[in-house]
Amino acid sequence: MRALRVHAGPRALQRLRDGALQPADVRVIPAAAGGPKGLVLNPLDRFLFGHWLVGSTHEVHLLGASIGAWRMACATLPDADEALAQLAEDYITQRYERAPGRAPTPTAVSRAFGRKLDERLGARAGEILSSPRYRLHVFTSRGRHLLRREGRLRTPLGYLGAFVSNAASRRALGLWLERVVFSDPRTPLPFGLGDFRSRQVLLDAANLAPAILASCSIPFWLDAVHDLPGAPRGAYWDGGITDYHLHLPYAGMTEGLVLYPHFQPQVVPGWLDKPFQHRHGATQALANVVVLSPSPEWVATLPGARLPDRNDFKRWRDDEAARITAWRRALAGSERLADDFADWVAGAAADIVPQPL
């Protein structure tokens, strides 16, 4: 049984029929929001950035929302393998001040997580922004109207409005939330951002760690980050709200492929689109995308027969050791995803046959 599945859009499938995927094919790597689910991609990330892509010299754009932004920031570093391994350890062992039997407050989580990001990434902003090959783009969601500032009443009312508007159409979500992408100033994205309300801000040493914190700031779990340096004033939240799986107009690229390590084969546009199955299908925008995802059969071998998820914090609220043990087991088992990918690109996995997205 293989752990890895490969799905691809029509242009990408045609390229894969011509021969094995090569590092030179890859021009964009997205990284989705999804919290602990992203842990199972850690060994694959380490292989990609610590080994497979090391010999290439061309420019690669790294796009991240929420935990994906944290992953891609680590991937830009010269010691990417070590930095990504440290990310997994930090994520698995995270602990926050809380009253017995109760969840930690959003402020406590934001404060502790912000300190960790400053330590791991803020202090290395110069290295991240001077990477010779990688260009980082951090996705955030900036509130509008009631959501322009965080508040005890205005935040839940604003997100109720956002949910109702998004149910009508994804474009209507832009009435409440704006996509703001903090982008490497050296090279623009090789495709447009589509018709969803968007703007780009230059990424720099002052806003790198705050932007990643904002991109990870799940409403009601963490506090919003207000007034990021160099960006329009406002409350900034998790990039996954507007761009859960970064379903972007990649087909507008003029060359190369998008390689997407993901925890599922579907690329869901926004977090609020999760209930709407008709929005989960592939579109022409993904024509040049190759998605790497775990097989359901392999997922069934993990603790609880599922991927780690954010509800594990509630499930094991008073037994952090049990959660840590389960997540370590899932991480160890995920080495198979990296092994399968290594076999596939080496031409030693004839049983891994790319399927249409």
Protein backbone atom coordinates (compact mmCIF):
# COMPACT_ATOMS: atom_id res chain seq x y z
CA MET A 1 0.00 0.00 0.00
CA ARG A 2 1.34 3.41 -1.02
CA ALA A 3 0.82 6.35 1.32
CA LEU A 4 1.00 8.93 -1.48
CA ARG A 5 -1.58 9.84 -4.10
CA VAL A 6 -0.89 12.18 -7.04
CA HIS A 7 -3.60 14.21 -8.77
CA ALA A 8 -3.04 16.75 -11.52
CA GLY A 9 -4.83 19.21 -13.76
CA PRO A 10 -4.91 18.54 -17.53
CA ARG A 11 -1.81 20.57 -18.44
CA ALA A 12 0.13 19.03 -15.57
CA LEU A 13 -1.03 15.50 -16.50
CA GLN A 14 0.25 16.01 -20.02
CA ARG A 15 3.63 17.09 -18.70
CA LEU A 16 3.83 14.05 -16.39
CA ARG A 17 3.07 11.72 -19.31
CA ASP A 18 6.23 13.07 -20.99
CA GLY A 19 8.48 11.97 -18.12
CA ALA A 20 9.17 12.14 -14.39
CA LEU A 21 8.64 15.40 -12.55
CA GLN A 22 11.86 17.42 -12.31
CA PRO A 23 12.84 20.22 -9.91
CA ALA A 24 13.09 22.56 -12.91
CA ASP A 25 9.34 22.06 -13.55
CA VAL A 26 8.35 23.58 -10.22
CA ARG A 27 7.74 27.33 -10.14
CA VAL A 28 5.14 27.64 -7.34
CA ILE A 29 4.54 25.69 -4.12
CA PRO A 30 1.37 26.52 -2.13
CA ALA A 31 0.85 25.51 1.50
CA ALA A 32 -2.70 25.37 2.85
CA ALA A 33 -4.21 26.37 6.14
CA GLY A 34 -5.47 23.42 8.17
CA GLY A 35 -3.70 23.52 11.53
CA PRO A 36 -2.41 20.16 12.80
CA LYS A 37 -3.29 18.43 9.51
CA GLY A 38 -0.18 20.08 8.09
CA LEU A 39 2.00 18.03 10.44
CA VAL A 40 1.72 14.97 8.19
CA LEU A 41 3.34 16.96 5.38
CA ASN A 42 6.43 17.76 7.43
CA PRO A 43 8.64 14.85 6.27
CA LEU A 44 7.61 15.56 2.67
CA ASP A 45 8.45 19.26 3.13
CA ARG A 46 11.82 18.32 4.58
CA PHE A 47 12.60 16.10 1.60
CA LEU A 48 11.47 18.70 -0.94
CA PHE A 49 13.32 21.67 0.50
CA GLY A 50 16.17 19.92 2.24
CA HIS A 51 17.09 17.55 -0.60
CA TRP A 52 15.14 17.41 -3.87
CA LEU A 53 15.08 21.13 -4.71
CA VAL A 54 18.51 21.94 -3.31
CA GLY A 55 20.35 21.61 -6.62
CA SER A 56 17.99 23.87 -8.57
CA THR A 57 18.81 27.52 -9.22
CA HIS A 58 15.58 28.91 -10.67
CA GLU A 59 13.11 31.09 -8.79
CA VAL A 60 10.28 29.38 -6.88
CA HIS A 61 7.35 31.22 -5.29
CA LEU A 62 6.21 29.86 -1.91
CA LEU A 63 2.62 30.70 -0.93
CA GLY A 64 1.29 30.09 2.56
CA ALA A 65 -1.82 30.62 4.65
CA SER A 66 -1.91 29.92 8.40
CA ILE A 67 0.34 26.94 9.24
CA GLY A 68 1.24 26.96 5.54
CA ALA A 69 2.81 30.42 5.93
CA TRP A 70 4.91 29.12 8.84
CA ARG A 71 5.97 26.08 6.77
CA MET A 72 6.95 28.14 3.73
CA ALA A 73 8.87 30.71 5.77
CA CYS A 74 10.96 27.86 7.23
CA ALA A 75 11.44 26.45 3.73
CA THR A 76 13.20 29.64 2.56
CA LEU A 77 15.98 29.26 5.12
CA PRO A 78 19.42 27.85 4.21
CA ASP A 79 18.92 25.10 6.82
CA ALA A 80 15.37 24.32 5.66
CA ASP A 81 15.50 20.66 6.76
CA GLU A 82 16.45 21.62 10.31
CA ALA A 83 14.04 24.57 10.45
CA LEU A 84 11.11 22.43 9.30
CA ALA A 85 11.98 19.71 11.82
CA GLN A 86 11.99 22.38 14.54
CA LEU A 87 8.59 23.63 13.35
CA ALA A 88 7.10 20.17 13.84
CA GLU A 89 8.59 19.90 17.32
CA ASP A 90 7.34 23.37 18.28
CA TYR A 91 3.85 22.62 16.97
CA ILE A 92 3.55 19.25 18.66
CA THR A 93 4.80 20.45 22.06
CA GLN A 94 2.95 23.77 22.17
CA ARG A 95 1.48 24.59 25.57
CA TYR A 96 -0.37 27.68 26.78
CA GLU A 97 -1.29 29.12 30.15
CA ARG A 98 -4.84 28.15 31.10
CA ALA A 99 -7.09 27.54 34.06
CA PRO A 100 -7.58 23.85 35.00
CA GLY A 101 -10.20 22.18 32.83
CA ARG A 102 -10.53 25.22 30.56
CA ALA A 103 -9.12 26.18 27.18
CA PRO A 104 -6.45 28.89 27.06
CA THR A 105 -7.67 32.38 26.19
CA PRO A 106 -7.04 33.74 22.68
CA THR A 107 -4.77 36.38 24.19
CA ALA A 108 -2.64 33.75 25.93
CA VAL A 109 -2.31 31.74 22.72
CA SER A 110 -1.45 34.83 20.64
CA ARG A 111 1.14 36.02 23.14
CA ALA A 112 2.95 32.69 23.39
CA PHE A 113 2.73 31.91 19.68
CA GLY A 114 3.91 35.40 18.77
CA ARG A 115 7.00 34.97 20.95
CA LYS A 116 7.79 31.67 19.25
CA LEU A 117 7.47 33.17 15.76
CA ASP A 118 9.72 36.07 16.73
CA GLU A 119 12.29 33.61 18.03
CA ARG A 120 12.19 31.21 15.06
CA LEU A 121 11.45 33.54 12.14
CA GLY A 122 11.48 37.21 13.12
CA ALA A 123 15.10 36.96 14.18
CA ARG A 124 15.92 35.46 10.77
CA ALA A 125 13.90 37.83 8.60
CA GLY A 126 17.02 38.93 6.75
CA GLU A 127 17.77 35.36 5.67
CA ILE A 128 14.18 34.73 4.61
CA LEU A 129 13.99 37.90 2.52
CA SER A 130 17.37 37.37 0.90
CA SER A 131 16.84 33.76 -0.15
CA PRO A 132 18.51 33.41 -3.56
CA ARG A 133 15.80 31.13 -4.98
CA TYR A 134 12.63 31.37 -2.94
CA ARG A 135 10.06 34.19 -2.89
CA LEU A 136 7.69 34.10 0.09
CA HIS A 137 4.05 35.26 -0.05
CA VAL A 138 2.03 35.29 3.20
CA PHE A 139 -1.78 35.32 2.90
CA THR A 140 -3.90 37.11 5.51
CA SER A 141 -7.55 38.17 5.83
CA ARG A 142 -8.18 41.83 6.67
CA GLY A 143 -11.54 42.74 8.20
CA ARG A 144 -13.88 45.34 6.75
CA HIS A 145 -16.87 47.17 8.26
CA LEU A 146 -17.73 45.45 11.58
CA LEU A 147 -14.58 43.35 11.25
CA ARG A 148 -12.21 46.28 10.79
CA ARG A 149 -11.47 46.10 14.53
CA GLU A 150 -11.81 43.14 16.89
CA GLY A 151 -14.50 43.35 19.57
CA ARG A 152 -16.58 41.15 21.85
CA LEU A 153 -19.80 41.80 19.88
CA ARG A 154 -18.63 43.12 16.54
CA THR A 155 -16.42 40.10 15.77
CA PRO A 156 -19.14 37.40 16.04
CA LEU A 157 -21.67 39.65 14.30
CA GLY A 158 -19.19 40.41 11.55
CA TYR A 159 -18.38 36.76 10.96
CA LEU A 160 -22.08 35.92 10.90
CA GLY A 161 -22.43 38.50 8.14
CA ALA A 162 -19.40 37.03 6.36
CA PHE A 163 -20.87 33.51 6.49
CA VAL A 164 -24.23 34.66 5.11
CA SER A 165 -22.59 36.69 2.34
CA ASN A 166 -20.27 33.85 1.40
CA ALA A 167 -23.23 31.47 1.21
CA ALA A 168 -24.62 33.72 -1.51
CA SER A 169 -21.31 33.89 -3.40
CA ARG A 170 -17.62 33.78 -2.65
CA ARG A 171 -17.22 37.19 -4.24
CA ALA A 172 -19.73 38.62 -1.74
CA LEU A 173 -17.38 37.57 1.09
CA GLY A 174 -15.25 40.52 -0.04
CA LEU A 175 -17.81 42.82 1.58
CA TRP A 176 -16.47 41.66 4.96
CA LEU A 177 -12.94 40.42 4.36
CA GLU A 178 -10.15 41.41 2.04
CA ARG A 179 -7.30 39.16 0.98
CA VAL A 180 -3.99 40.87 1.80
CA VAL A 181 -0.85 39.15 0.57
CA PHE A 182 2.50 40.13 2.08
CA SER A 183 4.86 39.44 -0.80
CA ASP A 184 8.59 39.29 -1.37
CA PRO A 185 9.43 42.68 -2.93
CA ARG A 186 11.87 41.30 -5.50
CA THR A 187 9.53 39.45 -7.86
CA PRO A 188 5.72 39.58 -8.24
CA LEU A 189 3.59 36.48 -8.30
CA PRO A 190 3.64 34.82 -11.74
CA PHE A 191 -0.18 34.96 -11.95
CA GLY A 192 -2.97 37.34 -10.93
CA LEU A 193 -5.11 37.03 -7.83
CA GLY A 194 -8.44 36.78 -9.65
CA ASP A 195 -11.58 38.79 -8.97
CA PHE A 196 -11.78 38.30 -5.19
CA ARG A 197 -11.14 41.58 -3.33
CA SER A 198 -7.34 41.60 -2.86
CA ARG A 199 -4.29 43.73 -2.35
CA GLN A 200 -0.56 43.09 -2.02
CA VAL A 201 1.84 44.59 0.52
CA LEU A 202 5.62 44.41 0.42
CA LEU A 203 7.06 41.93 2.91
CA ASP A 204 9.92 43.32 5.01
CA ALA A 205 11.78 42.66 8.24
CA ALA A 206 9.28 44.70 10.28
CA ASN A 207 6.12 42.94 9.15
CA LEU A 208 7.31 39.39 8.42
CA ALA A 209 6.69 37.82 11.84
CA PRO A 210 3.50 39.87 12.51
CA ALA A 211 2.12 38.90 9.09
CA ILE A 212 2.73 35.19 9.76
CA LEU A 213 1.14 35.56 13.21
CA ALA A 214 -1.88 37.23 11.58
CA SER A 215 -2.05 34.50 8.95
CA CYS A 216 -2.24 31.93 11.77
CA SER A 217 -4.75 33.90 13.90
CA ILE A 218 -7.90 31.80 13.76
CA PRO A 219 -10.88 33.89 14.91
CA PHE A 220 -11.96 33.10 18.48
CA TRP A 221 -8.85 30.93 18.99
CA LEU A 222 -6.31 33.75 18.71
CA ASP A 223 -6.59 37.52 18.79
CA ALA A 224 -6.57 39.46 15.54
CA VAL A 225 -3.34 41.33 14.75
CA HIS A 226 -4.05 45.01 14.25
CA ASP A 227 -2.32 47.56 12.01
CA LEU A 228 0.56 45.59 10.57
CA PRO A 229 3.63 47.65 9.58
CA GLY A 230 3.48 48.91 6.01
CA ALA A 231 -0.10 47.71 5.51
CA PRO A 232 -3.54 49.38 5.67
CA ARG A 233 -4.92 49.80 9.18
CA GLY A 234 -7.31 47.14 10.38
CA ALA A 235 -7.70 43.75 12.04
CA TYR A 236 -5.87 40.91 10.31
CA TRP A 237 -6.89 37.28 10.76
CA ASP A 238 -6.09 33.81 9.52
CA GLY A 239 -5.30 33.70 5.81
CA GLY A 240 -7.34 30.52 5.57
CA ILE A 241 -10.62 32.42 5.99
CA THR A 242 -10.30 33.90 2.50
CA ASP A 243 -7.84 31.31 1.13
CA TYR A 244 -8.22 28.03 2.99
CA HIS A 245 -6.43 25.92 0.37
CA LEU A 246 -5.18 28.70 -1.92
CA HIS A 247 -7.40 27.88 -4.91
CA LEU A 248 -5.87 30.61 -7.08
CA PRO A 249 -5.67 31.28 -10.85
CA TYR A 250 -2.43 29.34 -11.30
CA ALA A 251 -3.26 28.56 -14.94
CA GLY A 252 -2.29 32.15 -15.73
CA MET A 253 1.38 31.18 -15.31
CA THR A 254 3.29 31.20 -18.59
CA GLU A 255 5.69 28.38 -17.70
CA GLY A 256 6.27 25.60 -15.23
CA LEU A 257 4.02 23.75 -12.79
CA VAL A 258 2.55 24.24 -9.35
CA LEU A 259 3.59 21.47 -6.93
CA TYR A 260 1.10 21.28 -4.08
CA PRO A 261 1.83 19.05 -1.05
CA HIS A 262 -1.61 18.87 0.54
CA PHE A 263 -3.45 16.82 3.15
CA GLN A 264 -6.34 16.06 0.74
CA PRO A 265 -6.85 16.03 -3.04
CA GLN A 266 -9.55 18.74 -3.02
CA VAL A 267 -8.50 22.41 -3.10
CA VAL A 268 -11.24 24.29 -1.19
CA PRO A 269 -11.24 28.07 -1.85
CA GLY A 270 -12.03 29.56 1.60
CA TRP A 271 -12.62 28.27 5.14
CA LEU A 272 -16.25 29.36 4.97
CA ASP A 273 -16.66 27.22 1.84
CA LYS A 274 -16.19 23.99 3.79
CA PRO A 275 -19.97 23.28 4.00
CA PHE A 276 -20.48 23.88 0.26
CA GLN A 277 -19.39 20.73 -1.54
CA HIS A 278 -20.06 22.23 -4.97
CA ARG A 279 -17.15 24.62 -4.36
CA HIS A 280 -14.66 21.83 -3.66
CA GLY A 281 -14.19 20.64 -7.22
CA ALA A 282 -11.24 21.37 -9.48
CA THR A 283 -11.51 24.29 -11.91
CA GLN A 284 -9.58 25.43 -14.94
CA ALA A 285 -7.48 27.54 -12.56
CA LEU A 286 -5.78 24.30 -11.44
CA ALA A 287 -4.86 23.09 -14.94
CA ASN A 288 -1.11 23.22 -14.22
CA VAL A 289 -1.25 21.97 -10.61
CA VAL A 290 0.14 18.67 -9.25
CA VAL A 291 -1.36 17.77 -5.86
CA LEU A 292 0.45 15.34 -3.55
CA SER A 293 -1.86 13.98 -0.84
CA PRO A 294 -2.11 11.02 1.55
CA SER A 295 -4.19 8.02 0.51
CA PRO A 296 -7.27 7.24 2.62
CA GLU A 297 -5.89 3.74 3.26
CA TRP A 298 -2.72 5.20 4.77
CA VAL A 299 -4.67 7.75 6.83
CA ALA A 300 -6.57 4.81 8.33
CA THR A 301 -3.27 3.56 9.84
CA LEU A 302 -2.77 6.76 11.88
CA PRO A 303 -3.84 7.14 15.52
CA GLY A 304 -7.62 7.34 15.54
CA ALA A 305 -7.60 6.46 11.81
CA ARG A 306 -7.52 10.17 10.92
CA LEU A 307 -5.21 13.12 10.47
CA PRO A 308 -4.35 15.22 13.52
CA ASP A 309 -6.77 18.13 13.83
CA ARG A 310 -7.46 21.19 15.96
CA ASN A 311 -10.18 19.41 17.96
CA ASP A 312 -7.41 17.30 19.49
CA PHE A 313 -6.71 20.24 21.79
CA LYS A 314 -10.22 19.82 23.21
CA ARG A 315 -10.20 16.03 22.99
CA TRP A 316 -7.06 15.82 25.15
CA ARG A 317 -7.44 19.10 27.02
CA ASP A 318 -6.31 17.67 30.34
CA ASP A 319 -3.99 15.05 28.90
CA GLU A 320 -1.44 16.89 26.80
CA ALA A 321 0.92 13.90 26.95
CA ALA A 322 -1.64 11.76 25.09
CA ARG A 323 -2.06 14.38 22.36
CA ILE A 324 1.71 14.76 21.99
CA THR A 325 2.15 10.99 21.75
CA ALA A 326 -0.56 10.66 19.08
CA TRP A 327 0.88 13.52 17.03
CA ARG A 328 4.41 12.12 17.25
CA ARG A 329 3.14 8.79 15.96
CA ALA A 330 1.37 10.51 13.06
CA LEU A 331 4.54 12.46 12.23
CA ALA A 332 6.69 9.33 12.31
CA GLY A 333 4.27 7.48 10.05
CA SER A 334 4.34 10.39 7.60
CA GLU A 335 7.88 9.51 6.57
CA ARG A 336 6.17 7.18 4.11
CA LEU A 337 4.83 10.16 2.14
CA ALA A 338 8.36 11.44 1.61
CA ASP A 339 9.62 7.96 0.73
CA ASP A 340 6.86 7.46 -1.82
CA PHE A 341 7.52 10.83 -3.43
CA ALA A 342 11.25 10.07 -3.65
CA ASP A 343 10.42 6.77 -5.36
CA TRP A 344 7.97 8.42 -7.74
CA VAL A 345 10.31 11.17 -8.99
CA ALA A 346 13.10 8.59 -9.34
CA GLY A 347 10.88 6.47 -11.60
CA ALA A 348 10.76 3.64 -9.05
CA ALA A 349 7.04 3.77 -8.25
CA ALA A 350 5.12 2.52 -11.28
CA ASP A 351 2.15 1.90 -8.98
CA ILE A 352 1.78 5.65 -8.31
CA VAL A 353 -0.22 6.78 -11.35
CA PRO A 354 -1.29 10.45 -11.46
CA GLN A 355 -5.07 10.88 -11.58
CA PRO A 356 -7.10 13.87 -12.77
CA LEU A 357 -7.93 16.45 -10.14
